[in-house]
Amino acid sequence: MVPWWITHWHVEPALLGLPALRFLGGVALAFGAVGILDSFSRFAIQGIGTPAPVFPTQHLVVTGLYRYVRNPIYVAVVSAILGQGLIFGNVSLFEYGGLLWLFFHLAVLIYEEPTLRADYGSDYAAFCAAVPRWIPRLTPWTAHPDV
């Protein structure tokens, strides 16, 4: 007997009629998954903490994907959602990804950046000056030895 979720699974036609977009979606989903795992592990191992405000890191993390973009976890989550939208041909996932990014953006502006500025001072200011918030750099940032 075939489970109900397999018989009722429905994939919309490829967006814009381009099946190659499904492959691009797989790439975006894979990058998102790898980015989340890499960033979380850096928080735990190098930062000695978590991304959660209740157990923050003890050290500013500026290695790995953080050398390219300040918020790689959020970028990775949105990438994974948009990748799913491309794979399944589902425009609602793009809408959800956009709303989630807006939530992340507001959380970063209202809570995270002010908190990190207060906790890490000039080290965080140097990081912000060199590494963009959302659009990754093409080349990795090399942190000052004190950061």
Protein backbone atom coordinates (compact mmCIF):
# COMPACT_ATOMS: atom_id res chain seq x y z
CA MET A 1 0.00 0.00 0.00
CA VAL A 2 1.31 3.45 -0.95
CA PRO A 3 1.23 6.11 1.81
CA TRP A 4 -1.34 8.88 1.30
CA TRP A 5 1.31 11.61 1.22
CA ILE A 6 2.95 10.04 -1.84
CA THR A 7 -0.30 9.69 -3.79
CA HIS A 8 -1.36 13.26 -2.93
CA TRP A 9 2.00 14.91 -3.48
CA HIS A 10 1.68 17.60 -6.10
CA VAL A 11 4.38 19.57 -7.85
CA GLU A 12 3.38 22.60 -9.86
CA PRO A 13 4.77 23.02 -13.37
CA ALA A 14 8.27 24.49 -13.48
CA LEU A 15 8.32 28.26 -12.98
CA LEU A 16 8.28 30.15 -16.27
CA GLY A 17 8.10 26.77 -17.99
CA LEU A 18 11.84 26.27 -17.40
CA PRO A 19 12.67 22.88 -15.86
CA ALA A 20 16.28 24.08 -15.39
CA LEU A 21 14.96 26.31 -12.59
CA ARG A 22 14.28 23.14 -10.58
CA PHE A 23 18.01 22.34 -10.76
CA LEU A 24 18.84 25.90 -9.70
CA GLY A 25 16.42 25.41 -6.81
CA GLY A 26 18.29 22.27 -5.77
CA VAL A 27 21.54 24.22 -5.78
CA ALA A 28 19.99 27.02 -3.68
CA LEU A 29 18.53 24.47 -1.25
CA ALA A 30 21.88 22.67 -0.94
CA PHE A 31 23.78 25.93 -0.36
CA GLY A 32 21.21 26.89 2.25
CA ALA A 33 21.54 23.58 4.10
CA VAL A 34 25.35 23.69 4.07
CA GLY A 35 25.32 27.35 5.14
CA ILE A 36 23.06 26.66 8.10
CA LEU A 37 25.14 23.70 9.28
CA ASP A 38 28.45 25.54 8.84
CA SER A 39 27.28 28.69 10.61
CA PHE A 40 25.68 26.84 13.53
CA SER A 41 28.82 24.77 14.05
CA ARG A 42 30.98 27.93 14.05
CA PHE A 43 28.74 29.47 16.69
CA ALA A 44 29.10 26.39 18.88
CA ILE A 45 32.81 25.65 18.34
CA GLN A 46 34.42 29.06 17.80
CA GLY A 47 31.91 31.35 19.46
CA ILE A 48 31.25 28.97 22.35
CA GLY A 49 27.52 29.61 22.25
CA THR A 50 24.47 29.48 20.01
CA PRO A 51 22.61 31.79 17.63
CA ALA A 52 19.84 32.02 20.25
CA PRO A 53 19.83 35.20 22.37
CA VAL A 54 19.36 33.13 25.54
CA PHE A 55 22.76 31.41 25.00
CA PRO A 56 24.81 33.96 23.00
CA THR A 57 28.37 33.39 21.88
CA GLN A 58 31.27 34.35 24.09
CA HIS A 59 33.38 35.37 21.07
CA LEU A 60 32.56 37.28 17.89
CA VAL A 61 32.46 34.79 15.00
CA VAL A 62 34.07 36.20 11.84
CA THR A 63 35.27 33.06 10.04
CA GLY A 64 33.76 30.81 7.39
CA LEU A 65 30.75 32.32 5.67
CA TYR A 66 30.88 35.27 8.07
CA ARG A 67 33.88 36.50 6.02
CA TYR A 68 31.44 37.03 3.13
CA VAL A 69 28.16 38.13 4.71
CA ARG A 70 27.19 39.26 8.23
CA ASN A 71 24.07 37.11 8.47
CA PRO A 72 24.82 33.80 6.76
CA ILE A 73 22.26 31.81 8.77
CA TYR A 74 19.42 34.07 7.67
CA VAL A 75 20.71 34.16 4.09
CA ALA A 76 20.95 30.35 4.13
CA VAL A 77 17.40 29.90 5.49
CA VAL A 78 15.93 32.21 2.85
CA SER A 79 18.05 30.49 0.16
CA ALA A 80 16.68 27.11 1.22
CA ILE A 81 13.08 28.37 1.09
CA LEU A 82 13.54 30.02 -2.31
CA GLY A 83 15.22 26.84 -3.54
CA GLN A 84 12.15 24.87 -2.49
CA GLY A 85 9.99 27.37 -4.34
CA LEU A 86 11.98 26.73 -7.51
CA ILE A 87 11.95 22.95 -7.07
CA PHE A 88 8.21 22.75 -6.44
CA GLY A 89 7.22 25.61 -8.75
CA ASN A 90 5.42 27.21 -5.81
CA VAL A 91 5.11 30.99 -5.80
CA SER A 92 3.74 30.93 -2.22
CA LEU A 93 7.18 29.81 -1.03
CA PHE A 94 8.69 32.93 -2.63
CA GLU A 95 6.16 35.07 -0.78
CA TYR A 96 6.94 33.27 2.47
CA GLY A 97 10.70 33.67 1.87
CA GLY A 98 10.23 37.40 1.27
CA LEU A 99 8.19 37.88 4.44
CA LEU A 100 10.65 35.85 6.46
CA TRP A 101 13.57 37.92 5.11
CA LEU A 102 11.68 41.10 6.11
CA PHE A 103 11.23 39.70 9.63
CA PHE A 104 14.94 38.81 9.77
CA HIS A 105 15.90 42.28 8.52
CA LEU A 106 13.84 44.02 11.19
CA ALA A 107 15.17 41.71 13.92
CA VAL A 108 18.74 42.44 12.81
CA LEU A 109 18.19 46.21 12.77
CA ILE A 110 16.18 46.45 15.99
CA TYR A 111 17.83 43.84 18.21
CA GLU A 112 20.87 41.98 16.90
CA GLU A 113 23.11 44.73 15.58
CA PRO A 114 22.63 47.06 18.57
CA THR A 115 23.27 44.14 20.95
CA LEU A 116 26.41 43.06 19.10
CA ARG A 117 27.70 46.65 18.97
CA ALA A 118 27.25 46.88 22.73
CA ASP A 119 28.91 43.50 23.35
CA TYR A 120 31.82 43.66 20.90
CA GLY A 121 32.37 47.39 20.31
CA SER A 122 35.04 48.34 17.78
CA ASP A 123 35.57 44.72 16.67
CA TYR A 124 31.96 44.50 15.55
CA ALA A 125 32.12 47.97 13.99
CA ALA A 126 35.13 46.90 11.89
CA PHE A 127 33.28 43.74 10.88
CA CYS A 128 30.20 45.75 9.84
CA ALA A 129 32.29 48.22 7.87
CA ALA A 130 33.90 45.42 5.86
CA VAL A 131 31.20 42.75 5.51
CA PRO A 132 27.77 43.44 3.99
CA ARG A 133 24.59 42.57 5.85
CA TRP A 134 22.75 40.60 3.11
CA ILE A 135 24.56 40.48 -0.25
CA PRO A 136 27.77 38.42 0.09
CA ARG A 137 31.16 39.84 -0.81
CA LEU A 138 32.93 38.25 -3.76
CA THR A 139 36.16 37.89 -1.80
CA PRO A 140 36.54 36.87 1.83
CA TRP A 141 37.20 39.52 4.45
CA THR A 142 40.41 39.07 6.32
CA ALA A 143 39.78 40.13 9.88
CA HIS A 144 42.16 42.27 11.85
CA PRO A 145 44.24 40.02 14.16
CA ASP A 146 42.44 41.42 17.22
CA VAL A 147 39.00 40.43 15.92
